[in-house]
Amino acid sequence: MNARVASAAQRSRVAIFVSKFDHCFHDLVLRHRAGEFACDLVAVVSNHADLAPAAATHGLPFHVIPVIAADKPAAEAKQVALLRELRIDLVIMARYMQVLSADFLERCGCPVINIHHSFLPAFAGGKPYHQAAARGVKLIGATAHYATAVLDDGPIIQQDVARVTHRHDVEDLIRKGRDLEKSVLAQAVRWHLENRVLVYGHKTVVFD
Protein backbone atom coordinates (compact mmCIF):
# COMPACT_ATOMS: atom_id res chain seq x y z
CA MET A 1 0.00 0.00 0.00
CA ASN A 2 1.19 3.53 -0.81
CA ALA A 3 0.20 6.37 1.52
CA ARG A 4 0.46 10.13 1.09
CA VAL A 5 -0.19 12.95 3.53
CA ALA A 6 -1.08 16.40 2.17
CA SER A 7 -1.20 19.67 4.08
CA ALA A 8 -4.16 21.94 3.38
CA ALA A 9 -1.92 24.90 4.18
CA GLN A 10 0.36 24.20 1.20
CA ARG A 11 -0.90 25.85 -1.99
CA SER A 12 -0.23 24.09 -5.28
CA ARG A 13 1.59 25.93 -8.05
CA VAL A 14 -0.46 25.62 -11.23
CA ALA A 15 0.24 26.20 -14.92
CA ILE A 16 -2.56 26.50 -17.47
CA PHE A 17 -1.92 25.24 -20.99
CA VAL A 18 -4.03 26.92 -23.70
CA SER A 19 -4.20 27.24 -27.47
CA LYS A 20 -6.78 29.59 -29.02
CA PHE A 21 -10.06 28.67 -27.31
CA ASP A 22 -10.50 30.94 -24.30
CA HIS A 23 -13.70 29.91 -22.48
CA CYS A 24 -12.12 27.42 -20.07
CA PHE A 25 -9.15 29.73 -19.50
CA HIS A 26 -11.30 32.72 -18.51
CA ASP A 27 -13.53 30.56 -16.33
CA LEU A 28 -10.60 29.11 -14.41
CA VAL A 29 -8.96 32.48 -13.88
CA LEU A 30 -12.16 34.15 -12.69
CA ARG A 31 -12.92 31.29 -10.31
CA HIS A 32 -9.38 31.56 -8.96
CA ARG A 33 -9.79 35.28 -8.39
CA ALA A 34 -13.05 34.54 -6.57
CA GLY A 35 -11.17 32.24 -4.20
CA GLU A 36 -12.60 28.94 -5.45
CA PHE A 37 -9.22 27.28 -5.97
CA ALA A 38 -6.63 26.76 -3.25
CA CYS A 39 -3.65 27.32 -5.53
CA ASP A 40 -1.37 29.88 -7.12
CA LEU A 41 -1.64 30.40 -10.87
CA VAL A 42 2.01 30.69 -11.80
CA ALA A 43 2.02 30.64 -15.61
CA VAL A 44 0.02 30.35 -18.80
CA VAL A 45 1.73 28.30 -21.51
CA SER A 46 0.54 28.29 -25.11
CA ASN A 47 1.52 27.18 -28.58
CA HIS A 48 -0.04 30.41 -29.93
CA ALA A 49 0.13 34.05 -28.88
CA ASP A 50 -3.62 34.70 -29.21
CA LEU A 51 -4.41 34.73 -25.48
CA ALA A 52 -1.40 36.79 -24.42
CA PRO A 53 -3.48 40.00 -24.03
CA ALA A 54 -6.05 38.15 -21.92
CA ALA A 55 -3.34 36.73 -19.67
CA ALA A 56 -1.81 40.18 -19.30
CA THR A 57 -5.20 41.55 -18.26
CA HIS A 58 -5.26 39.04 -15.44
CA GLY A 59 -1.63 39.73 -14.54
CA LEU A 60 -0.48 36.23 -15.46
CA PRO A 61 2.92 35.47 -17.04
CA PHE A 62 2.38 34.17 -20.59
CA HIS A 63 4.86 31.85 -22.28
CA VAL A 64 4.61 31.11 -26.00
CA ILE A 65 6.26 27.86 -27.03
CA PRO A 66 5.34 27.07 -30.66
CA VAL A 67 4.79 23.40 -31.41
CA ILE A 68 5.87 22.27 -34.88
CA ALA A 69 5.04 18.71 -35.86
CA ALA A 70 8.51 18.15 -37.30
CA ASP A 71 10.19 19.18 -34.03
CA LYS A 72 7.62 18.57 -31.30
CA PRO A 73 10.13 16.93 -28.89
CA ALA A 74 12.11 20.18 -28.77
CA ALA A 75 9.00 22.18 -27.88
CA GLU A 76 8.05 19.72 -25.17
CA ALA A 77 11.58 19.85 -23.78
CA LYS A 78 11.20 23.63 -23.39
CA GLN A 79 7.84 23.15 -21.69
CA VAL A 80 9.26 20.59 -19.26
CA ALA A 81 12.20 22.87 -18.45
CA LEU A 82 9.78 25.73 -17.73
CA LEU A 83 7.57 23.60 -15.50
CA ARG A 84 10.57 22.44 -13.51
CA GLU A 85 11.97 25.96 -13.21
CA LEU A 86 8.63 27.22 -11.89
CA ARG A 87 8.16 24.18 -9.59
CA ILE A 88 4.73 23.44 -11.01
CA ASP A 89 2.55 20.99 -9.07
CA LEU A 90 -0.33 20.71 -11.56
CA VAL A 91 -0.85 21.36 -15.27
CA ILE A 92 -4.38 22.15 -16.50
CA MET A 93 -5.05 21.65 -20.20
CA ALA A 94 -7.74 24.29 -20.76
CA ARG A 95 -8.54 23.23 -24.32
CA TYR A 96 -4.86 22.98 -25.20
CA MET A 97 -5.13 21.49 -28.67
CA GLN A 98 -2.01 19.37 -28.63
CA VAL A 99 -1.48 15.74 -27.68
CA LEU A 100 1.10 15.46 -24.91
CA SER A 101 3.62 12.71 -25.53
CA ALA A 102 4.39 9.89 -23.12
CA ASP A 103 7.87 11.38 -22.70
CA PHE A 104 6.42 14.76 -21.66
CA LEU A 105 4.03 13.18 -19.15
CA GLU A 106 6.85 11.14 -17.64
CA ARG A 107 9.27 14.06 -17.37
CA CYS A 108 7.00 16.98 -16.41
CA GLY A 109 6.94 15.84 -12.78
CA CYS A 110 3.30 16.60 -11.98
CA PRO A 111 -0.26 15.49 -12.77
CA VAL A 112 -1.96 16.86 -15.88
CA ILE A 113 -5.74 17.39 -16.01
CA ASN A 114 -7.37 17.58 -19.43
CA ILE A 115 -10.89 18.58 -20.49
CA HIS A 116 -12.28 16.62 -23.41
CA HIS A 117 -15.41 17.92 -25.11
CA SER A 118 -17.16 14.57 -25.12
CA PHE A 119 -18.66 12.11 -22.66
CA LEU A 120 -15.81 9.63 -22.81
CA PRO A 121 -15.32 6.90 -23.90
CA ALA A 122 -17.68 8.05 -26.68
CA PHE A 123 -16.20 10.23 -29.44
CA ALA A 124 -12.58 10.34 -28.38
CA GLY A 125 -10.11 12.27 -30.52
CA GLY A 126 -10.78 15.28 -32.72
CA LYS A 127 -14.07 17.06 -33.48
CA PRO A 128 -16.27 15.11 -31.06
CA TYR A 129 -19.21 17.49 -31.50
CA HIS A 130 -19.15 16.80 -35.23
CA GLN A 131 -19.02 13.08 -34.49
CA ALA A 132 -21.94 13.42 -32.08
CA ALA A 133 -24.03 15.38 -34.59
CA ALA A 134 -23.35 12.80 -37.28
CA ARG A 135 -24.60 10.04 -34.96
CA GLY A 136 -27.71 11.97 -33.96
CA VAL A 137 -27.08 11.63 -30.22
CA LYS A 138 -29.59 12.96 -27.70
CA LEU A 139 -26.96 13.73 -25.06
CA ILE A 140 -23.62 15.48 -25.34
CA GLY A 141 -21.07 15.65 -22.58
CA ALA A 142 -17.70 16.77 -21.30
CA THR A 143 -15.07 14.79 -19.41
CA ALA A 144 -12.22 15.93 -17.18
CA HIS A 145 -9.54 13.30 -16.77
CA TYR A 146 -5.89 12.85 -15.96
CA ALA A 147 -3.82 12.85 -19.14
CA THR A 148 -1.98 9.64 -19.99
CA ALA A 149 0.09 8.42 -22.92
CA VAL A 150 -3.09 7.06 -24.54
CA LEU A 151 -5.22 9.85 -26.05
CA ASP A 152 -8.38 10.66 -24.05
CA ASP A 153 -7.99 7.47 -22.03
CA GLY A 154 -6.84 8.66 -18.60
CA PRO A 155 -8.64 8.13 -15.28
CA ILE A 156 -11.88 10.13 -15.30
CA ILE A 157 -12.38 12.71 -12.54
CA GLN A 158 -15.68 14.36 -13.51
CA GLN A 159 -18.29 14.24 -16.28
CA ASP A 160 -21.59 15.93 -17.11
CA VAL A 161 -24.11 15.94 -19.95
CA ALA A 162 -26.67 18.16 -21.65
CA ARG A 163 -29.70 17.04 -23.65
CA VAL A 164 -29.91 17.85 -27.36
CA THR A 165 -32.39 17.08 -30.12
CA HIS A 166 -32.47 16.75 -33.90
CA ARG A 167 -33.04 20.51 -34.06
CA HIS A 168 -29.52 21.25 -32.83
CA ASP A 169 -26.75 21.53 -35.38
CA VAL A 170 -23.00 21.31 -34.73
CA GLU A 171 -22.76 24.97 -33.75
CA ASP A 172 -25.53 24.46 -31.18
CA LEU A 173 -23.70 21.47 -29.75
CA ILE A 174 -20.46 23.45 -29.51
CA ARG A 175 -22.23 26.33 -27.78
CA LYS A 176 -24.00 24.09 -25.26
CA GLY A 177 -20.84 22.06 -24.77
CA ARG A 178 -18.76 25.05 -23.76
CA ASP A 179 -20.81 25.48 -20.59
CA LEU A 180 -20.29 21.82 -19.76
CA GLU A 181 -16.56 22.03 -20.40
CA LYS A 182 -16.13 24.97 -18.04
CA SER A 183 -18.08 23.50 -15.12
CA VAL A 184 -16.67 19.97 -15.47
CA LEU A 185 -13.06 21.17 -15.65
CA ALA A 186 -13.51 23.55 -12.72
CA GLN A 187 -14.98 20.81 -10.53
CA ALA A 188 -12.20 18.38 -11.40
CA VAL A 189 -9.53 20.98 -10.64
CA ARG A 190 -11.18 21.87 -7.32
CA TRP A 191 -11.35 18.23 -6.23
CA HIS A 192 -7.73 17.64 -7.21
CA LEU A 193 -6.50 20.71 -5.34
CA GLU A 194 -8.45 19.63 -2.27
CA ASN A 195 -6.77 16.19 -2.46
CA ARG A 196 -10.12 14.45 -2.84
CA VAL A 197 -9.14 12.30 -5.85
CA LEU A 198 -7.66 8.86 -5.41
CA VAL A 199 -6.39 7.19 -8.58
CA TYR A 200 -6.22 3.42 -8.66
CA GLY A 201 -5.57 1.62 -11.90
CA HIS A 202 -7.71 3.12 -14.62
CA LYS A 203 -10.28 4.59 -12.22
CA THR A 204 -10.64 7.31 -9.61
CA VAL A 205 -12.45 7.60 -6.30
CA VAL A 206 -13.56 11.13 -5.41
CA PHE A 207 -14.11 11.63 -1.68
CA ASP A 208 -16.89 14.01 -0.67
C-alpha atoms as a PDB file:
ATOM      1  CA  MET A   1       0.000   0.000   0.000  1.00  0.00           C
ATOM      2  CA  ASN A   2       1.194   3.525  -0.814  1.00  0.00           C
ATOM      3  CA  ALA A   3       0.203   6.365   1.524  1.00  0.00           C
ATOM      4  CA  ARG A   4       0.465  10.126   1.086  1.00  0.00           C
ATOM      5  CA  VAL A   5      -0.191  12.950   3.530  1.00  0.00           C
ATOM      6  CA  ALA A   6      -1.077  16.402   2.170  1.00  0.00           C
ATOM      7  CA  SER A   7      -1.196  19.666   4.078  1.00  0.00           C
ATOM      8  CA  ALA A   8      -4.161  21.940   3.382  1.00  0.00           C
ATOM      9  CA  ALA A   9      -1.916  24.900   4.181  1.00  0.00           C
ATOM     10  CA  GLN A  10       0.364  24.203   1.205  1.00  0.00           C
ATOM     11  CA  ARG A  11      -0.899  25.851  -1.986  1.00  0.00           C
ATOM     12  CA  SER A  12      -0.232  24.089  -5.284  1.00  0.00           C
ATOM     13  CA  ARG A  13       1.590  25.930  -8.046  1.00  0.00           C
ATOM     14  CA  VAL A  14      -0.456  25.620 -11.230  1.00  0.00           C
ATOM     15  CA  ALA A  15       0.241  26.195 -14.922  1.00  0.00           C
ATOM     16  CA  ILE A  16      -2.560  26.502 -17.466  1.00  0.00           C
ATOM     17  CA  PHE A  17      -1.917  25.239 -20.995  1.00  0.00           C
ATOM     18  CA  VAL A  18      -4.032  26.917 -23.696  1.00  0.00           C
ATOM     19  CA  SER A  19      -4.204  27.239 -27.470  1.00  0.00           C
ATOM     20  CA  LYS A  20      -6.784  29.591 -29.020  1.00  0.00           C
ATOM     21  CA  PHE A  21     -10.063  28.666 -27.307  1.00  0.00           C
ATOM     22  CA  ASP A  22     -10.497  30.943 -24.301  1.00  0.00           C
ATOM     23  CA  HIS A  23     -13.699  29.913 -22.484  1.00  0.00           C
ATOM     24  CA  CYS A  24     -12.116  27.425 -20.068  1.00  0.00           C
ATOM     25  CA  PHE A  25      -9.145  29.734 -19.505  1.00  0.00           C
ATOM     26  CA  HIS A  26     -11.296  32.720 -18.512  1.00  0.00           C
ATOM     27  CA  ASP A  27     -13.533  30.557 -16.332  1.00  0.00           C
ATOM     28  CA  LEU A  28     -10.595  29.106 -14.413  1.00  0.00           C
ATOM     29  CA  VAL A  29      -8.959  32.478 -13.875  1.00  0.00           C
ATOM     30  CA  LEU A  30     -12.164  34.152 -12.687  1.00  0.00           C
ATOM     31  CA  ARG A  31     -12.917  31.288 -10.314  1.00  0.00           C
ATOM     32  CA  HIS A  32      -9.379  31.555  -8.962  1.00  0.00           C
ATOM     33  CA  ARG A  33      -9.794  35.282  -8.395  1.00  0.00           C
ATOM     34  CA  ALA A  34     -13.047  34.544  -6.573  1.00  0.00           C
ATOM     35  CA  GLY A  35     -11.168  32.240  -4.199  1.00  0.00           C
ATOM     36  CA  GLU A  36     -12.604  28.941  -5.448  1.00  0.00           C
ATOM     37  CA  PHE A  37      -9.222  27.278  -5.970  1.00  0.00           C
ATOM     38  CA  ALA A  38      -6.630  26.756  -3.252  1.00  0.00           C
ATOM     39  CA  CYS A  39      -3.652  27.320  -5.533  1.00  0.00           C
ATOM     40  CA  ASP A  40      -1.373  29.877  -7.117  1.00  0.00           C
ATOM     41  CA  LEU A  41      -1.643  30.401 -10.872  1.00  0.00           C
ATOM     42  CA  VAL A  42       2.007  30.689 -11.799  1.00  0.00           C
ATOM     43  CA  ALA A  43       2.021  30.642 -15.608  1.00  0.00           C
ATOM     44  CA  VAL A  44       0.022  30.350 -18.801  1.00  0.00           C
ATOM     45  CA  VAL A  45       1.729  28.299 -21.507  1.00  0.00           C
ATOM     46  CA  SER A  46       0.542  28.286 -25.110  1.00  0.00           C
ATOM     47  CA  ASN A  47       1.520  27.177 -28.582  1.00  0.00           C
ATOM     48  CA  HIS A  48      -0.041  30.405 -29.931  1.00  0.00           C
ATOM     49  CA  ALA A  49       0.132  34.046 -28.883  1.00  0.00           C
ATOM     50  CA  ASP A  50      -3.621  34.697 -29.214  1.00  0.00           C
ATOM     51  CA  LEU A  51      -4.410  34.730 -25.480  1.00  0.00           C
ATOM     52  CA  ALA A  52      -1.396  36.786 -24.420  1.00  0.00           C
ATOM     53  CA  PRO A  53      -3.476  39.997 -24.033  1.00  0.00           C
ATOM     54  CA  ALA A  54      -6.054  38.147 -21.921  1.00  0.00           C
ATOM     55  CA  ALA A  55      -3.344  36.728 -19.666  1.00  0.00           C
ATOM     56  CA  ALA A  56      -1.808  40.184 -19.304  1.00  0.00           C
ATOM     57  CA  THR A  57      -5.203  41.555 -18.263  1.00  0.00           C
ATOM     58  CA  HIS A  58      -5.259  39.037 -15.436  1.00  0.00           C
ATOM     59  CA  GLY A  59      -1.626  39.734 -14.541  1.00  0.00           C
ATOM     60  CA  LEU A  60      -0.480  36.233 -15.457  1.00  0.00           C
ATOM     61  CA  PRO A  61       2.920  35.469 -17.038  1.00  0.00           C
ATOM     62  CA  PHE A  62       2.377  34.168 -20.586  1.00  0.00           C
ATOM     63  CA  HIS A  63       4.858  31.848 -22.278  1.00  0.00           C
ATOM     64  CA  VAL A  64       4.610  31.107 -26.001  1.00  0.00           C
ATOM     65  CA  ILE A  65       6.257  27.855 -27.031  1.00  0.00           C
ATOM     66  CA  PRO A  66       5.339  27.072 -30.658  1.00  0.00           C
ATOM     67  CA  VAL A  67       4.786  23.399 -31.415  1.00  0.00           C
ATOM     68  CA  ILE A  68       5.871  22.269 -34.875  1.00  0.00           C
ATOM     69  CA  ALA A  69       5.042  18.706 -35.857  1.00  0.00           C
ATOM     70  CA  ALA A  70       8.513  18.151 -37.295  1.00  0.00           C
ATOM     71  CA  ASP A  71      10.187  19.184 -34.032  1.00  0.00           C
ATOM     72  CA  LYS A  72       7.623  18.567 -31.300  1.00  0.00           C
ATOM     73  CA  PRO A  73      10.131  16.935 -28.892  1.00  0.00           C
ATOM     74  CA  ALA A  74      12.110  20.175 -28.773  1.00  0.00           C
ATOM     75  CA  ALA A  75       8.999  22.183 -27.879  1.00  0.00           C
ATOM     76  CA  GLU A  76       8.049  19.718 -25.170  1.00  0.00           C
ATOM     77  CA  ALA A  77      11.579  19.850 -23.781  1.00  0.00           C
ATOM     78  CA  LYS A  78      11.200  23.632 -23.392  1.00  0.00           C
ATOM     79  CA  GLN A  79       7.837  23.146 -21.688  1.00  0.00           C
ATOM     80  CA  VAL A  80       9.257  20.588 -19.263  1.00  0.00           C
ATOM     81  CA  ALA A  81      12.196  22.874 -18.446  1.00  0.00           C
ATOM     82  CA  LEU A  82       9.784  25.734 -17.733  1.00  0.00           C
ATOM     83  CA  LEU A  83       7.570  23.598 -15.496  1.00  0.00           C
ATOM     84  CA  ARG A  84      10.575  22.438 -13.507  1.00  0.00           C
ATOM     85  CA  GLU A  85      11.969  25.957 -13.214  1.00  0.00           C
ATOM     86  CA  LEU A  86       8.627  27.221 -11.888  1.00  0.00           C
ATOM     87  CA  ARG A  87       8.165  24.181  -9.591  1.00  0.00           C
ATOM     88  CA  ILE A  88       4.733  23.438 -11.013  1.00  0.00           C
ATOM     89  CA  ASP A  89       2.547  20.987  -9.071  1.00  0.00           C
ATOM     90  CA  LEU A  90      -0.333  20.713 -11.564  1.00  0.00           C
ATOM     91  CA  VAL A  91      -0.851  21.361 -15.274  1.00  0.00           C
ATOM     92  CA  ILE A  92      -4.376  22.145 -16.500  1.00  0.00           C
ATOM     93  CA  MET A  93      -5.045  21.654 -20.197  1.00  0.00           C
ATOM     94  CA  ALA A  94      -7.736  24.289 -20.762  1.00  0.00           C
ATOM     95  CA  ARG A  95      -8.543  23.226 -24.321  1.00  0.00           C
ATOM     96  CA  TYR A  96      -4.863  22.982 -25.197  1.00  0.00           C
ATOM     97  CA  MET A  97      -5.129  21.494 -28.665  1.00  0.00           C
ATOM     98  CA  GLN A  98      -2.005  19.366 -28.627  1.00  0.00           C
ATOM     99  CA  VAL A  99      -1.479  15.735 -27.681  1.00  0.00           C
ATOM    100  CA  LEU A 100       1.103  15.462 -24.911  1.00  0.00           C
ATOM    101  CA  SER A 101       3.617  12.709 -25.531  1.00  0.00           C
ATOM    102  CA  ALA A 102       4.394   9.885 -23.117  1.00  0.00           C
ATOM    103  CA  ASP A 103       7.867  11.380 -22.698  1.00  0.00           C
ATOM    104  CA  PHE A 104       6.423  14.758 -21.658  1.00  0.00           C
ATOM    105  CA  LEU A 105       4.032  13.178 -19.147  1.00  0.00           C
ATOM    106  CA  GLU A 106       6.851  11.137 -17.644  1.00  0.00           C
ATOM    107  CA  ARG A 107       9.274  14.061 -17.369  1.00  0.00           C
ATOM    108  CA  CYS A 108       7.000  16.977 -16.413  1.00  0.00           C
ATOM    109  CA  GLY A 109       6.940  15.841 -12.784  1.00  0.00           C
ATOM    110  CA  CYS A 110       3.301  16.600 -11.979  1.00  0.00           C
ATOM    111  CA  PRO A 111      -0.261  15.486 -12.768  1.00  0.00           C
ATOM    112  CA  VAL A 112      -1.963  16.856 -15.881  1.00  0.00           C
ATOM    113  CA  ILE A 113      -5.738  17.390 -16.007  1.00  0.00           C
ATOM    114  CA  ASN A 114      -7.370  17.578 -19.430  1.00  0.00           C
ATOM    115  CA  ILE A 115     -10.886  18.582 -20.487  1.00  0.00           C
ATOM    116  CA  HIS A 116     -12.282  16.624 -23.412  1.00  0.00           C
ATOM    117  CA  HIS A 117     -15.413  17.921 -25.106  1.00  0.00           C
ATOM    118  CA  SER A 118     -17.165  14.568 -25.123  1.00  0.00           C
ATOM    119  CA  PHE A 119     -18.664  12.107 -22.664  1.00  0.00           C
ATOM    120  CA  LEU A 120     -15.809   9.625 -22.809  1.00  0.00           C
ATOM    121  CA  PRO A 121     -15.321   6.904 -23.895  1.00  0.00           C
ATOM    122  CA  ALA A 122     -17.676   8.050 -26.681  1.00  0.00           C
ATOM    123  CA  PHE A 123     -16.201  10.231 -29.439  1.00  0.00           C
ATOM    124  CA  ALA A 124     -12.575  10.337 -28.378  1.00  0.00           C
ATOM    125  CA  GLY A 125     -10.113  12.269 -30.518  1.00  0.00           C
ATOM    126  CA  GLY A 126     -10.783  15.282 -32.716  1.00  0.00           C
ATOM    127  CA  LYS A 127     -14.067  17.062 -33.478  1.00  0.00           C
ATOM    128  CA  PRO A 128     -16.270  15.107 -31.056  1.00  0.00           C
ATOM    129  CA  TYR A 129     -19.212  17.486 -31.504  1.00  0.00           C
ATOM    130  CA  HIS A 130     -19.145  16.800 -35.235  1.00  0.00           C
ATOM    131  CA  GLN A 131     -19.017  13.080 -34.493  1.00  0.00           C
ATOM    132  CA  ALA A 132     -21.941  13.419 -32.081  1.00  0.00           C
ATOM    133  CA  ALA A 133     -24.030  15.375 -34.589  1.00  0.00           C
ATOM    134  CA  ALA A 134     -23.349  12.798 -37.278  1.00  0.00           C
ATOM    135  CA  ARG A 135     -24.596  10.038 -34.956  1.00  0.00           C
ATOM    136  CA  GLY A 136     -27.710  11.973 -33.958  1.00  0.00           C
ATOM    137  CA  VAL A 137     -27.077  11.627 -30.220  1.00  0.00           C
ATOM    138  CA  LYS A 138     -29.587  12.961 -27.698  1.00  0.00           C
ATOM    139  CA  LEU A 139     -26.958  13.728 -25.064  1.00  0.00           C
ATOM    140  CA  ILE A 140     -23.623  15.477 -25.338  1.00  0.00           C
ATOM    141  CA  GLY A 141     -21.071  15.651 -22.577  1.00  0.00           C
ATOM    142  CA  ALA A 142     -17.703  16.773 -21.302  1.00  0.00           C
ATOM    143  CA  THR A 143     -15.068  14.785 -19.414  1.00  0.00           C
ATOM    144  CA  ALA A 144     -12.223  15.933 -17.175  1.00  0.00           C
ATOM    145  CA  HIS A 145      -9.537  13.295 -16.771  1.00  0.00           C
ATOM    146  CA  TYR A 146      -5.886  12.851 -15.958  1.00  0.00           C
ATOM    147  CA  ALA A 147      -3.816  12.847 -19.135  1.00  0.00           C
ATOM    148  CA  THR A 148      -1.976   9.645 -19.990  1.00  0.00           C
ATOM    149  CA  ALA A 149       0.085   8.416 -22.919  1.00  0.00           C
ATOM    150  CA  VAL A 150      -3.094   7.059 -24.536  1.00  0.00           C
ATOM    151  CA  LEU A 151      -5.217   9.852 -26.052  1.00  0.00           C
ATOM    152  CA  ASP A 152      -8.376  10.660 -24.051  1.00  0.00           C
ATOM    153  CA  ASP A 153      -7.993   7.469 -22.033  1.00  0.00           C
ATOM    154  CA  GLY A 154      -6.840   8.656 -18.605  1.00  0.00           C
ATOM    155  CA  PRO A 155      -8.640   8.126 -15.281  1.00  0.00           C
ATOM    156  CA  ILE A 156     -11.881  10.126 -15.300  1.00  0.00           C
ATOM    157  CA  ILE A 157     -12.383  12.706 -12.542  1.00  0.00           C
ATOM    158  CA  GLN A 158     -15.677  14.356 -13.514  1.00  0.00           C
ATOM    159  CA  GLN A 159     -18.292  14.241 -16.279  1.00  0.00           C
ATOM    160  CA  ASP A 160     -21.588  15.934 -17.108  1.00  0.00           C
ATOM    161  CA  VAL A 161     -24.112  15.936 -19.951  1.00  0.00           C
ATOM    162  CA  ALA A 162     -26.671  18.165 -21.653  1.00  0.00           C
ATOM    163  CA  ARG A 163     -29.705  17.044 -23.649  1.00  0.00           C
ATOM    164  CA  VAL A 164     -29.911  17.851 -27.361  1.00  0.00           C
ATOM    165  CA  THR A 165     -32.389  17.084 -30.121  1.00  0.00           C
ATOM    166  CA  HIS A 166     -32.472  16.750 -33.896  1.00  0.00           C
ATOM    167  CA  ARG A 167     -33.040  20.506 -34.058  1.00  0.00           C
ATOM    168  CA  HIS A 168     -29.519  21.248 -32.826  1.00  0.00           C
ATOM    169  CA  ASP A 169     -26.746  21.528 -35.383  1.00  0.00           C
ATOM    170  CA  VAL A 170     -23.004  21.307 -34.734  1.00  0.00           C
ATOM    171  CA  GLU A 171     -22.764  24.968 -33.747  1.00  0.00           C
ATOM    172  CA  ASP A 172     -25.526  24.455 -31.182  1.00  0.00           C
ATOM    173  CA  LEU A 173     -23.697  21.469 -29.755  1.00  0.00           C
ATOM    174  CA  ILE A 174     -20.460  23.453 -29.508  1.00  0.00           C
ATOM    175  CA  ARG A 175     -22.235  26.334 -27.779  1.00  0.00           C
ATOM    176  CA  LYS A 176     -24.002  24.086 -25.265  1.00  0.00           C
ATOM    177  CA  GLY A 177     -20.843  22.058 -24.769  1.00  0.00           C
ATOM    178  CA  ARG A 178     -18.759  25.049 -23.756  1.00  0.00           C
ATOM    179  CA  ASP A 179     -20.806  25.485 -20.594  1.00  0.00           C
ATOM    180  CA  LEU A 180     -20.285  21.821 -19.757  1.00  0.00           C
ATOM    181  CA  GLU A 181     -16.560  22.029 -20.400  1.00  0.00           C
ATOM    182  CA  LYS A 182     -16.134  24.968 -18.038  1.00  0.00           C
ATOM    183  CA  SER A 183     -18.081  23.501 -15.125  1.00  0.00           C
ATOM    184  CA  VAL A 184     -16.673  19.973 -15.469  1.00  0.00           C
ATOM    185  CA  LEU A 185     -13.059  21.167 -15.651  1.00  0.00           C
ATOM    186  CA  ALA A 186     -13.512  23.546 -12.723  1.00  0.00           C
ATOM    187  CA  GLN A 187     -14.982  20.811 -10.530  1.00  0.00           C
ATOM    188  CA  ALA A 188     -12.204  18.376 -11.396  1.00  0.00           C
ATOM    189  CA  VAL A 189      -9.529  20.976 -10.643  1.00  0.00           C
ATOM    190  CA  ARG A 190     -11.178  21.872  -7.324  1.00  0.00           C
ATOM    191  CA  TRP A 191     -11.347  18.233  -6.229  1.00  0.00           C
ATOM    192  CA  HIS A 192      -7.733  17.641  -7.208  1.00  0.00           C
ATOM    193  CA  LEU A 193      -6.496  20.713  -5.344  1.00  0.00           C
ATOM    194  CA  GLU A 194      -8.451  19.628  -2.267  1.00  0.00           C
ATOM    195  CA  ASN A 195      -6.769  16.189  -2.464  1.00  0.00           C
ATOM    196  CA  ARG A 196     -10.122  14.449  -2.836  1.00  0.00           C
ATOM    197  CA  VAL A 197      -9.143  12.302  -5.846  1.00  0.00           C
ATOM    198  CA  LEU A 198      -7.655   8.856  -5.408  1.00  0.00           C
ATOM    199  CA  VAL A 199      -6.394   7.193  -8.585  1.00  0.00           C
ATOM    200  CA  TYR A 200      -6.220   3.422  -8.661  1.00  0.00           C
ATOM    201  CA  GLY A 201      -5.570   1.622 -11.901  1.00  0.00           C
ATOM    202  CA  HIS A 202      -7.710   3.116 -14.623  1.00  0.00           C
ATOM    203  CA  LYS A 203     -10.284   4.587 -12.222  1.00  0.00           C
ATOM    204  CA  THR A 204     -10.643   7.310  -9.614  1.00  0.00           C
ATOM    205  CA  VAL A 205     -12.451   7.598  -6.304  1.00  0.00           C
ATOM    206  CA  VAL A 206     -13.557  11.131  -5.405  1.00  0.00           C
ATOM    207  CA  PHE A 207     -14.105  11.633  -1.679  1.00  0.00           C
ATOM    208  CA  ASP A 208     -16.893  14.013  -0.672  1.00  0.00           C
END
